[in-house]
Amino acid sequence: MSSYPILWRKSNVNKTVLKRSYYITTAIPYVNAKPHIGFALELVQSDVLARYQRIAGSDTYFLSGVDENSLKNVRAAEAASLTTQQLCDQNSAVFQELIQQLHISTDQFVRTSQPPHHLGAQTLWSACRPEDIYTQTYEGQYCVGCEAYYTADELVDGKCPEHLTVPEQVKEDNYFFRLSAYQEQLKKLIESGDVQIYPKFRKNEVLSFIQMGLKDFSISRSRARAKDWGVPVPGDASQVMYVWFDALSNYITALGYGSADTTKFMRYWPADLHVIGKGISRFH
């Protein structure tokens, strides 16, 4: 597992104690293309751990799914002469078929284009402290493949270091989250072991990233640029949520966060284990 950071939050503050609960999740990949071997590996690794926990007597809940609210999904749909929803439906079915073929013992498959996820993500947005969300005009170089902005010094010969493509120059009004206010809190959570990251060198990478200084980041996108695809920002029809804001909320929306029935949320959250690829550790 050396190429995969595993994030483990050991605090069980919100969990009931009738029987030890164990919540394990995979990352949720984009559906702009069919699944690749890397996600299959992630599924198998997670499945081994979930099965072990069940044998050990834990009340285990195993979540996987797909991220459907990405601009890259919109563009892939356009290239295939499909609506974005059609592409999501088509490729999500392929991911679910992979899970069946590999006999992966998931308890739920979440899709972020579906209404329950939208409701939960909007509830999370509204739950953020008002002083932590503000509007600002932002201009930067945006890689659609990464769904992230890059500064000039982060590029390699003017190209995205991950996709080796030239980012798009974007200027628009967005909502920002005041992440800078939480730098020391996040650092302490990791250093204290309340949040554990494996393998250790991945933990060191994350701590180094935090130590360089966390910057406030954009959590919304122009609805027009997103081609009217994504989770609408509560109270602002001109914006949809930045895909990473809504995507990461899947870990709680899948448990009913934001709905009338929060039984699973109260039972399983916080998660015990997030199995993710090394390329998305900083987003988490």
C-alpha atoms as a PDB file:
ATOM      1  CA  MET A   1       0.000   0.000   0.000  1.00  0.00           C
ATOM      2  CA  SER A   2       3.019   2.305  -0.134  1.00  0.00           C
ATOM      3  CA  SER A   3       1.612   4.418  -2.960  1.00  0.00           C
ATOM      4  CA  TYR A   4      -1.700   4.958  -1.187  1.00  0.00           C
ATOM      5  CA  PRO A   5      -2.085   7.269   1.778  1.00  0.00           C
ATOM      6  CA  ILE A   6      -4.649   5.937   4.219  1.00  0.00           C
ATOM      7  CA  LEU A   7      -6.330   8.522   6.383  1.00  0.00           C
ATOM      8  CA  TRP A   8      -7.680   7.257   9.666  1.00  0.00           C
ATOM      9  CA  ARG A   9      -9.625   9.350  12.144  1.00  0.00           C
ATOM     10  CA  LYS A  10      -9.646   7.400  15.387  1.00  0.00           C
ATOM     11  CA  SER A  11     -12.042   9.624  17.346  1.00  0.00           C
ATOM     12  CA  ASN A  12     -15.440   7.983  17.904  1.00  0.00           C
ATOM     13  CA  VAL A  13     -17.015  10.931  19.679  1.00  0.00           C
ATOM     14  CA  ASN A  14     -20.378  10.782  17.891  1.00  0.00           C
ATOM     15  CA  LYS A  15     -20.697   7.009  17.743  1.00  0.00           C
ATOM     16  CA  THR A  16     -23.099   4.909  19.755  1.00  0.00           C
ATOM     17  CA  VAL A  17     -21.692   1.936  21.654  1.00  0.00           C
ATOM     18  CA  LEU A  18     -24.251  -0.854  21.235  1.00  0.00           C
ATOM     19  CA  LYS A  19     -21.696  -2.553  18.987  1.00  0.00           C
ATOM     20  CA  ARG A  20     -18.441  -1.121  17.745  1.00  0.00           C
ATOM     21  CA  SER A  21     -19.084   0.615  14.435  1.00  0.00           C
ATOM     22  CA  TYR A  22     -16.507   0.868  11.680  1.00  0.00           C
ATOM     23  CA  TYR A  23     -16.884   3.182   8.687  1.00  0.00           C
ATOM     24  CA  ILE A  24     -14.561   2.769   5.701  1.00  0.00           C
ATOM     25  CA  THR A  25     -14.637   4.695   2.423  1.00  0.00           C
ATOM     26  CA  THR A  26     -12.867   4.775  -0.906  1.00  0.00           C
ATOM     27  CA  ALA A  27     -12.315   7.919  -2.912  1.00  0.00           C
ATOM     28  CA  ILE A  28     -14.969   8.685  -5.530  1.00  0.00           C
ATOM     29  CA  PRO A  29     -13.512   8.914  -9.066  1.00  0.00           C
ATOM     30  CA  TYR A  30     -14.745  11.119 -11.882  1.00  0.00           C
ATOM     31  CA  VAL A  31     -16.967   9.485 -14.499  1.00  0.00           C
ATOM     32  CA  ASN A  32     -15.536  11.303 -17.512  1.00  0.00           C
ATOM     33  CA  ALA A  33     -14.020   7.941 -18.466  1.00  0.00           C
ATOM     34  CA  LYS A  34     -14.368   4.303 -17.517  1.00  0.00           C
ATOM     35  CA  PRO A  35     -12.609   2.957 -14.390  1.00  0.00           C
ATOM     36  CA  HIS A  36      -8.903   2.137 -14.497  1.00  0.00           C
ATOM     37  CA  ILE A  37      -6.726  -0.361 -12.645  1.00  0.00           C
ATOM     38  CA  GLY A  38      -5.825   2.155  -9.917  1.00  0.00           C
ATOM     39  CA  PHE A  39      -9.409   2.379  -8.699  1.00  0.00           C
ATOM     40  CA  ALA A  40      -9.777  -1.395  -8.897  1.00  0.00           C
ATOM     41  CA  LEU A  41      -6.759  -1.672  -6.581  1.00  0.00           C
ATOM     42  CA  GLU A  42      -8.295   0.843  -4.188  1.00  0.00           C
ATOM     43  CA  LEU A  43     -11.534  -1.136  -4.120  1.00  0.00           C
ATOM     44  CA  VAL A  44      -9.763  -4.412  -3.379  1.00  0.00           C
ATOM     45  CA  GLN A  45      -7.602  -2.883  -0.639  1.00  0.00           C
ATOM     46  CA  SER A  46     -10.646  -1.357   1.016  1.00  0.00           C
ATOM     47  CA  ASP A  47     -12.661  -4.544   0.646  1.00  0.00           C
ATOM     48  CA  VAL A  48      -9.994  -6.588   2.441  1.00  0.00           C
ATOM     49  CA  LEU A  49     -10.112  -4.181   5.376  1.00  0.00           C
ATOM     50  CA  ALA A  50     -13.929  -4.069   5.444  1.00  0.00           C
ATOM     51  CA  ARG A  51     -14.198  -7.863   5.420  1.00  0.00           C
ATOM     52  CA  TYR A  52     -11.650  -8.124   8.218  1.00  0.00           C
ATOM     53  CA  GLN A  53     -13.632  -5.697  10.375  1.00  0.00           C
ATOM     54  CA  ARG A  54     -16.824  -7.685   9.835  1.00  0.00           C
ATOM     55  CA  ILE A  55     -15.086 -10.921  10.829  1.00  0.00           C
ATOM     56  CA  ALA A  56     -13.718  -9.139  13.899  1.00  0.00           C
ATOM     57  CA  GLY A  57     -17.286  -8.357  14.935  1.00  0.00           C
ATOM     58  CA  SER A  58     -17.540  -4.679  14.006  1.00  0.00           C
ATOM     59  CA  ASP A  59     -20.739  -3.175  12.649  1.00  0.00           C
ATOM     60  CA  THR A  60     -19.039  -2.214   9.397  1.00  0.00           C
ATOM     61  CA  TYR A  61     -20.280   0.220   6.758  1.00  0.00           C
ATOM     62  CA  PHE A  62     -18.340   0.297   3.472  1.00  0.00           C
ATOM     63  CA  LEU A  63     -18.921   3.199   1.070  1.00  0.00           C
ATOM     64  CA  SER A  64     -17.800   3.775  -2.498  1.00  0.00           C
ATOM     65  CA  GLY A  65     -19.220   5.756  -5.402  1.00  0.00           C
ATOM     66  CA  VAL A  66     -18.503   8.270  -8.133  1.00  0.00           C
ATOM     67  CA  ASP A  67     -17.958  12.009  -8.472  1.00  0.00           C
ATOM     68  CA  GLU A  68     -20.308  13.341 -11.133  1.00  0.00           C
ATOM     69  CA  ASN A  69     -20.197  17.126 -10.642  1.00  0.00           C
ATOM     70  CA  SER A  70     -16.980  17.908 -12.476  1.00  0.00           C
ATOM     71  CA  LEU A  71     -16.407  20.230 -15.432  1.00  0.00           C
ATOM     72  CA  LYS A  72     -14.355  17.455 -17.022  1.00  0.00           C
ATOM     73  CA  ASN A  73     -17.504  15.300 -16.972  1.00  0.00           C
ATOM     74  CA  VAL A  74     -19.387  18.086 -18.759  1.00  0.00           C
ATOM     75  CA  ARG A  75     -16.742  18.301 -21.472  1.00  0.00           C
ATOM     76  CA  ALA A  76     -16.534  14.542 -21.863  1.00  0.00           C
ATOM     77  CA  ALA A  77     -20.306  14.472 -22.369  1.00  0.00           C
ATOM     78  CA  GLU A  78     -20.096  17.207 -24.996  1.00  0.00           C
ATOM     79  CA  ALA A  79     -17.381  15.273 -26.833  1.00  0.00           C
ATOM     80  CA  ALA A  80     -19.598  12.170 -26.812  1.00  0.00           C
ATOM     81  CA  SER A  81     -22.696  14.129 -27.939  1.00  0.00           C
ATOM     82  CA  LEU A  82     -24.477  13.243 -24.697  1.00  0.00           C
ATOM     83  CA  THR A  83     -26.056  15.280 -21.949  1.00  0.00           C
ATOM     84  CA  THR A  84     -23.964  15.338 -18.797  1.00  0.00           C
ATOM     85  CA  GLN A  85     -26.581  13.307 -16.935  1.00  0.00           C
ATOM     86  CA  GLN A  86     -26.576  10.703 -19.705  1.00  0.00           C
ATOM     87  CA  LEU A  87     -22.797  10.364 -19.483  1.00  0.00           C
ATOM     88  CA  CYS A  88     -22.976  10.085 -15.692  1.00  0.00           C
ATOM     89  CA  ASP A  89     -25.685   7.431 -15.852  1.00  0.00           C
ATOM     90  CA  GLN A  90     -23.785   5.474 -18.495  1.00  0.00           C
ATOM     91  CA  ASN A  91     -20.360   5.499 -16.847  1.00  0.00           C
ATOM     92  CA  SER A  92     -21.626   5.186 -13.272  1.00  0.00           C
ATOM     93  CA  ALA A  93     -23.189   1.895 -14.320  1.00  0.00           C
ATOM     94  CA  VAL A  94     -19.757   0.711 -15.491  1.00  0.00           C
ATOM     95  CA  PHE A  95     -18.227   1.529 -12.096  1.00  0.00           C
ATOM     96  CA  GLN A  96     -21.009  -0.367 -10.347  1.00  0.00           C
ATOM     97  CA  GLU A  97     -20.474  -3.303 -12.684  1.00  0.00           C
ATOM     98  CA  LEU A  98     -16.772  -3.321 -11.758  1.00  0.00           C
ATOM     99  CA  ILE A  99     -17.698  -3.558  -8.075  1.00  0.00           C
ATOM    100  CA  GLN A 100     -19.915  -6.555  -8.844  1.00  0.00           C
ATOM    101  CA  GLN A 101     -17.288  -8.255 -11.019  1.00  0.00           C
ATOM    102  CA  LEU A 102     -14.649  -7.932  -8.292  1.00  0.00           C
ATOM    103  CA  HIS A 103     -17.139  -9.088  -5.623  1.00  0.00           C
ATOM    104  CA  ILE A 104     -16.516  -5.937  -3.590  1.00  0.00           C
ATOM    105  CA  SER A 105     -18.685  -5.934  -0.452  1.00  0.00           C
ATOM    106  CA  THR A 106     -19.800  -2.292  -0.462  1.00  0.00           C
ATOM    107  CA  ASP A 107     -22.852  -1.329   1.559  1.00  0.00           C
ATOM    108  CA  GLN A 108     -23.625   1.741  -0.532  1.00  0.00           C
ATOM    109  CA  PHE A 109     -22.660   3.332  -3.847  1.00  0.00           C
ATOM    110  CA  VAL A 110     -23.023   7.113  -3.770  1.00  0.00           C
ATOM    111  CA  ARG A 111     -23.595   9.288  -6.851  1.00  0.00           C
ATOM    112  CA  THR A 112     -23.050  12.998  -6.399  1.00  0.00           C
ATOM    113  CA  SER A 113     -25.507  14.054  -9.113  1.00  0.00           C
ATOM    114  CA  GLN A 114     -28.412  12.660  -7.096  1.00  0.00           C
ATOM    115  CA  PRO A 115     -30.808  14.795  -4.969  1.00  0.00           C
ATOM    116  CA  PRO A 116     -29.861  13.328  -1.537  1.00  0.00           C
ATOM    117  CA  HIS A 117     -26.241  14.329  -2.090  1.00  0.00           C
ATOM    118  CA  HIS A 118     -27.207  17.805  -3.298  1.00  0.00           C
ATOM    119  CA  LEU A 119     -29.314  18.327  -0.182  1.00  0.00           C
ATOM    120  CA  GLY A 120     -26.539  17.176   2.129  1.00  0.00           C
ATOM    121  CA  ALA A 121     -23.876  19.292   0.416  1.00  0.00           C
ATOM    122  CA  GLN A 122     -26.095  22.373   0.621  1.00  0.00           C
ATOM    123  CA  THR A 123     -26.739  21.657   4.301  1.00  0.00           C
ATOM    124  CA  LEU A 124     -22.988  21.506   4.912  1.00  0.00           C
ATOM    125  CA  TRP A 125     -22.469  24.796   3.070  1.00  0.00           C
ATOM    126  CA  SER A 126     -25.118  26.464   5.210  1.00  0.00           C
ATOM    127  CA  ALA A 127     -23.544  24.989   8.359  1.00  0.00           C
ATOM    128  CA  CYS A 128     -20.217  26.734   7.703  1.00  0.00           C
ATOM    129  CA  ARG A 129     -19.637  29.790   9.862  1.00  0.00           C
ATOM    130  CA  PRO A 130     -20.682  32.961   7.956  1.00  0.00           C
ATOM    131  CA  GLU A 131     -17.352  34.610   8.769  1.00  0.00           C
ATOM    132  CA  ASP A 132     -15.505  31.741   7.066  1.00  0.00           C
ATOM    133  CA  ILE A 133     -17.154  32.237   3.655  1.00  0.00           C
ATOM    134  CA  TYR A 134     -16.689  35.438   1.672  1.00  0.00           C
ATOM    135  CA  THR A 135     -16.845  36.603  -1.963  1.00  0.00           C
ATOM    136  CA  GLN A 136     -13.892  37.719  -4.017  1.00  0.00           C
ATOM    137  CA  THR A 137     -12.931  38.231  -7.640  1.00  0.00           C
ATOM    138  CA  TYR A 138     -10.335  35.634  -8.509  1.00  0.00           C
ATOM    139  CA  GLU A 139      -8.061  35.276 -11.505  1.00  0.00           C
ATOM    140  CA  GLY A 140      -5.837  32.282 -12.005  1.00  0.00           C
ATOM    141  CA  GLN A 141      -4.741  29.372 -14.156  1.00  0.00           C
ATOM    142  CA  TYR A 142      -7.207  26.510 -13.927  1.00  0.00           C
ATOM    143  CA  CYS A 143      -6.554  22.888 -14.866  1.00  0.00           C
ATOM    144  CA  VAL A 144      -9.822  21.173 -15.737  1.00  0.00           C
ATOM    145  CA  GLY A 145      -8.166  17.760 -15.365  1.00  0.00           C
ATOM    146  CA  CYS A 146      -7.200  18.469 -11.753  1.00  0.00           C
ATOM    147  CA  GLU A 147     -10.201  20.721 -11.101  1.00  0.00           C
ATOM    148  CA  ALA A 148      -7.770  23.070  -9.381  1.00  0.00           C
ATOM    149  CA  TYR A 149      -6.068  26.438  -9.751  1.00  0.00           C
ATOM    150  CA  TYR A 150      -2.290  26.610 -10.052  1.00  0.00           C
ATOM    151  CA  THR A 151       0.100  29.442  -9.310  1.00  0.00           C
ATOM    152  CA  ALA A 152       2.849  30.211 -11.815  1.00  0.00           C
ATOM    153  CA  ASP A 153       5.541  28.631  -9.635  1.00  0.00           C
ATOM    154  CA  GLU A 154       3.549  25.389  -9.346  1.00  0.00           C
ATOM    155  CA  LEU A 155       3.501  24.895 -13.119  1.00  0.00           C
ATOM    156  CA  VAL A 156       6.237  23.062 -15.022  1.00  0.00           C
ATOM    157  CA  ASP A 157       7.203  24.940 -18.177  1.00  0.00           C
ATOM    158  CA  GLY A 158       3.814  26.630 -17.993  1.00  0.00           C
ATOM    159  CA  LYS A 159       1.951  23.320 -17.825  1.00  0.00           C
ATOM    160  CA  CYS A 160       0.044  21.382 -15.182  1.00  0.00           C
ATOM    161  CA  PRO A 161       2.562  19.032 -13.499  1.00  0.00           C
ATOM    162  CA  GLU A 162      -0.041  16.253 -13.392  1.00  0.00           C
ATOM    163  CA  HIS A 163      -1.587  16.417 -16.875  1.00  0.00           C
ATOM    164  CA  LEU A 164       1.150  18.304 -18.781  1.00  0.00           C
ATOM    165  CA  THR A 165      -1.468  20.583 -20.326  1.00  0.00           C
ATOM    166  CA  VAL A 166      -1.613  24.375 -20.395  1.00  0.00           C
ATOM    167  CA  PRO A 167      -4.169  25.588 -17.813  1.00  0.00           C
ATOM    168  CA  GLU A 168      -7.007  27.917 -18.768  1.00  0.00           C
ATOM    169  CA  GLN A 169      -6.832  31.541 -17.650  1.00  0.00           C
ATOM    170  CA  VAL A 170      -9.992  32.184 -15.627  1.00  0.00           C
ATOM    171  CA  LYS A 171     -11.335  35.320 -13.963  1.00  0.00           C
ATOM    172  CA  GLU A 172     -14.627  35.277 -12.083  1.00  0.00           C
ATOM    173  CA  ASP A 173     -16.382  36.135  -8.831  1.00  0.00           C
ATOM    174  CA  ASN A 174     -16.390  33.190  -6.416  1.00  0.00           C
ATOM    175  CA  TYR A 175     -17.056  32.303  -2.819  1.00  0.00           C
ATOM    176  CA  PHE A 176     -13.948  31.569  -0.752  1.00  0.00           C
ATOM    177  CA  PHE A 177     -13.460  29.515   2.403  1.00  0.00           C
ATOM    178  CA  ARG A 178     -11.148  30.928   5.067  1.00  0.00           C
ATOM    179  CA  LEU A 179      -8.933  27.834   5.317  1.00  0.00           C
ATOM    180  CA  SER A 180      -6.024  29.928   6.593  1.00  0.00           C
ATOM    181  CA  ALA A 181      -7.825  30.278   9.931  1.00  0.00           C
ATOM    182  CA  TYR A 182      -7.612  26.521  10.508  1.00  0.00           C
ATOM    183  CA  GLN A 183      -3.932  25.909   9.768  1.00  0.00           C
ATOM    184  CA  GLU A 184      -2.772  25.367  13.343  1.00  0.00           C
ATOM    185  CA  GLN A 185      -5.843  23.310  14.217  1.00  0.00           C
ATOM    186  CA  LEU A 186      -5.253  20.930  11.303  1.00  0.00           C
ATOM    187  CA  LYS A 187      -1.568  20.667  12.118  1.00  0.00           C
ATOM    188  CA  LYS A 188      -2.308  19.752  15.746  1.00  0.00           C
ATOM    189  CA  LEU A 189      -4.887  17.128  14.737  1.00  0.00           C
ATOM    190  CA  ILE A 190      -2.289  15.324  12.621  1.00  0.00           C
ATOM    191  CA  GLU A 191       0.675  15.746  14.964  1.00  0.00           C
ATOM    192  CA  SER A 192      -1.367  14.556  17.961  1.00  0.00           C
ATOM    193  CA  GLY A 193      -2.531  11.417  16.163  1.00  0.00           C
ATOM    194  CA  ASP A 194      -6.212  12.325  16.280  1.00  0.00           C
ATOM    195  CA  VAL A 195      -5.993  12.105  12.490  1.00  0.00           C
ATOM    196  CA  GLN A 196      -3.490   9.494  11.340  1.00  0.00           C
ATOM    197  CA  ILE A 197      -2.004   9.298   7.854  1.00  0.00           C
ATOM    198  CA  TYR A 198      -0.256   6.214   6.497  1.00  0.00           C
ATOM    199  CA  PRO A 199       2.342   5.554   5.241  1.00  0.00           C
ATOM    200  CA  LYS A 200       4.394   7.913   7.411  1.00  0.00           C
ATOM    201  CA  PHE A 201       6.085   9.722   4.528  1.00  0.00           C
ATOM    202  CA  ARG A 202       2.648  10.761   3.259  1.00  0.00           C
ATOM    203  CA  LYS A 203       1.940  12.212   6.686  1.00  0.00           C
ATOM    204  CA  ASN A 204       5.170  14.198   6.419  1.00  0.00           C
ATOM    205  CA  GLU A 205       4.138  15.432   2.964  1.00  0.00           C
ATOM    206  CA  VAL A 206       0.818  16.709   4.295  1.00  0.00           C
ATOM    207  CA  LEU A 207       2.450  18.396   7.286  1.00  0.00           C
ATOM    208  CA  SER A 208       4.979  20.077   4.985  1.00  0.00           C
ATOM    209  CA  PHE A 209       2.136  21.311   2.794  1.00  0.00           C
ATOM    210  CA  ILE A 210       0.381  22.781   5.835  1.00  0.00           C
ATOM    211  CA  GLN A 211       3.611  24.274   7.161  1.00  0.00           C
ATOM    212  CA  MET A 212       4.098  26.210   3.910  1.00  0.00           C
ATOM    213  CA  GLY A 213       0.931  28.102   4.789  1.00  0.00           C
ATOM    214  CA  LEU A 214      -2.666  27.252   4.001  1.00  0.00           C
ATOM    215  CA  LYS A 215      -4.388  29.751   1.754  1.00  0.00           C
ATOM    216  CA  ASP A 216      -8.076  30.553   1.509  1.00  0.00           C
ATOM    217  CA  PHE A 217      -9.511  28.762  -1.509  1.00  0.00           C
ATOM    218  CA  SER A 218     -12.390  29.171  -3.912  1.00  0.00           C
ATOM    219  CA  ILE A 219     -15.358  26.925  -3.113  1.00  0.00           C
ATOM    220  CA  SER A 220     -17.673  27.946  -5.947  1.00  0.00           C
ATOM    221  CA  ARG A 221     -17.651  28.312  -9.714  1.00  0.00           C
ATOM    222  CA  SER A 222     -19.638  30.392 -12.144  1.00  0.00           C
ATOM    223  CA  ARG A 223     -22.794  28.509 -13.058  1.00  0.00           C
ATOM    224  CA  ALA A 224     -22.356  29.681 -16.640  1.00  0.00           C
ATOM    225  CA  ARG A 225     -18.788  28.330 -16.887  1.00  0.00           C
ATOM    226  CA  ALA A 226     -19.924  25.072 -15.285  1.00  0.00           C
ATOM    227  CA  LYS A 227     -22.592  24.784 -18.010  1.00  0.00           C
ATOM    228  CA  ASP A 228     -25.308  24.764 -15.323  1.00  0.00           C
ATOM    229  CA  TRP A 229     -23.944  21.498 -13.901  1.00  0.00           C
ATOM    230  CA  GLY A 230     -23.193  20.963 -10.228  1.00  0.00           C
ATOM    231  CA  VAL A 231     -24.654  21.568  -6.786  1.00  0.00           C
ATOM    232  CA  PRO A 232     -26.287  25.028  -6.626  1.00  0.00           C
ATOM    233  CA  VAL A 233     -24.900  27.356  -3.961  1.00  0.00           C
ATOM    234  CA  PRO A 234     -27.649  28.119  -1.415  1.00  0.00           C
ATOM    235  CA  GLY A 235     -29.026  31.601  -1.986  1.00  0.00           C
ATOM    236  CA  ASP A 236     -27.012  32.395  -5.128  1.00  0.00           C
ATOM    237  CA  ALA A 237     -28.333  31.186  -8.477  1.00  0.00           C
ATOM    238  CA  SER A 238     -25.201  32.399 -10.285  1.00  0.00           C
ATOM    239  CA  GLN A 239     -22.885  29.892  -8.587  1.00  0.00           C
ATOM    240  CA  VAL A 240     -22.422  26.151  -8.190  1.00  0.00           C
ATOM    241  CA  MET A 241     -20.187  24.521  -5.604  1.00  0.00           C
ATOM    242  CA  TYR A 242     -16.566  23.817  -6.447  1.00  0.00           C
ATOM    243  CA  VAL A 243     -16.452  20.108  -7.174  1.00  0.00           C
ATOM    244  CA  TRP A 244     -14.063  19.278  -4.325  1.00  0.00           C
ATOM    245  CA  PHE A 245     -16.285  21.007  -1.769  1.00  0.00           C
ATOM    246  CA  ASP A 246     -19.306  18.956  -2.736  1.00  0.00           C
ATOM    247  CA  ALA A 247     -17.386  15.750  -3.533  1.00  0.00           C
ATOM    248  CA  LEU A 248     -15.776  15.396  -0.115  1.00  0.00           C
ATOM    249  CA  SER A 249     -19.135  15.865   1.553  1.00  0.00           C
ATOM    250  CA  ASN A 250     -20.160  12.488   0.074  1.00  0.00           C
ATOM    251  CA  TYR A 251     -18.709  10.810   3.161  1.00  0.00           C
ATOM    252  CA  ILE A 252     -21.514  12.322   5.236  1.00  0.00           C
ATOM    253  CA  THR A 253     -24.275  12.831   2.652  1.00  0.00           C
ATOM    254  CA  ALA A 254     -24.214   9.072   2.014  1.00  0.00           C
ATOM    255  CA  LEU A 255     -25.064   8.603   5.695  1.00  0.00           C
ATOM    256  CA  GLY A 256     -28.104  10.855   5.477  1.00  0.00           C
ATOM    257  CA  TYR A 257     -26.546  14.133   6.567  1.00  0.00           C
ATOM    258  CA  GLY A 258     -28.994  16.898   5.704  1.00  0.00           C
ATOM    259  CA  SER A 259     -31.961  14.529   5.516  1.00  0.00           C
ATOM    260  CA  ALA A 260     -34.722  13.798   8.004  1.00  0.00           C
ATOM    261  CA  ASP A 261     -33.116  10.457   8.913  1.00  0.00           C
ATOM    262  CA  THR A 262     -29.650  10.888  10.438  1.00  0.00           C
ATOM    263  CA  THR A 263     -29.510   7.435  12.055  1.00  0.00           C
ATOM    264  CA  LYS A 264     -26.559   6.255   9.956  1.00  0.00           C
ATOM    265  CA  PHE A 265     -24.759   9.570  10.335  1.00  0.00           C
ATOM    266  CA  MET A 266     -24.970   9.390  14.126  1.00  0.00           C
ATOM    267  CA  ARG A 267     -23.995   5.725  14.086  1.00  0.00           C
ATOM    268  CA  TYR A 268     -20.985   5.749  11.769  1.00  0.00           C
ATOM    269  CA  TRP A 269     -19.550   9.255  11.595  1.00  0.00           C
ATOM    270  CA  PRO A 270     -16.702  10.125  11.947  1.00  0.00           C
ATOM    271  CA  ALA A 271     -15.148   7.625   9.545  1.00  0.00           C
ATOM    272  CA  ASP A 272     -12.512   5.226  10.775  1.00  0.00           C
ATOM    273  CA  LEU A 273     -10.690   4.864   7.473  1.00  0.00           C
ATOM    274  CA  HIS A 274     -10.494   6.755   4.186  1.00  0.00           C
ATOM    275  CA  VAL A 275      -8.535   4.913   1.495  1.00  0.00           C
ATOM    276  CA  ILE A 276      -7.449   7.394  -1.170  1.00  0.00           C
ATOM    277  CA  GLY A 277      -4.893   7.838  -3.935  1.00  0.00           C
ATOM    278  CA  LYS A 278      -1.774   9.873  -3.260  1.00  0.00           C
ATOM    279  CA  GLY A 279      -2.751  12.511  -5.830  1.00  0.00           C
ATOM    280  CA  ILE A 280      -5.755  13.744  -3.855  1.00  0.00           C
ATOM    281  CA  SER A 281      -4.364  13.808  -0.327  1.00  0.00           C
ATOM    282  CA  ARG A 282      -4.053  17.599  -0.240  1.00  0.00           C
ATOM    283  CA  PHE A 283      -7.686  18.036  -1.281  1.00  0.00           C
ATOM    284  CA  HIS A 284      -8.737  15.903   1.664  1.00  0.00           C
END
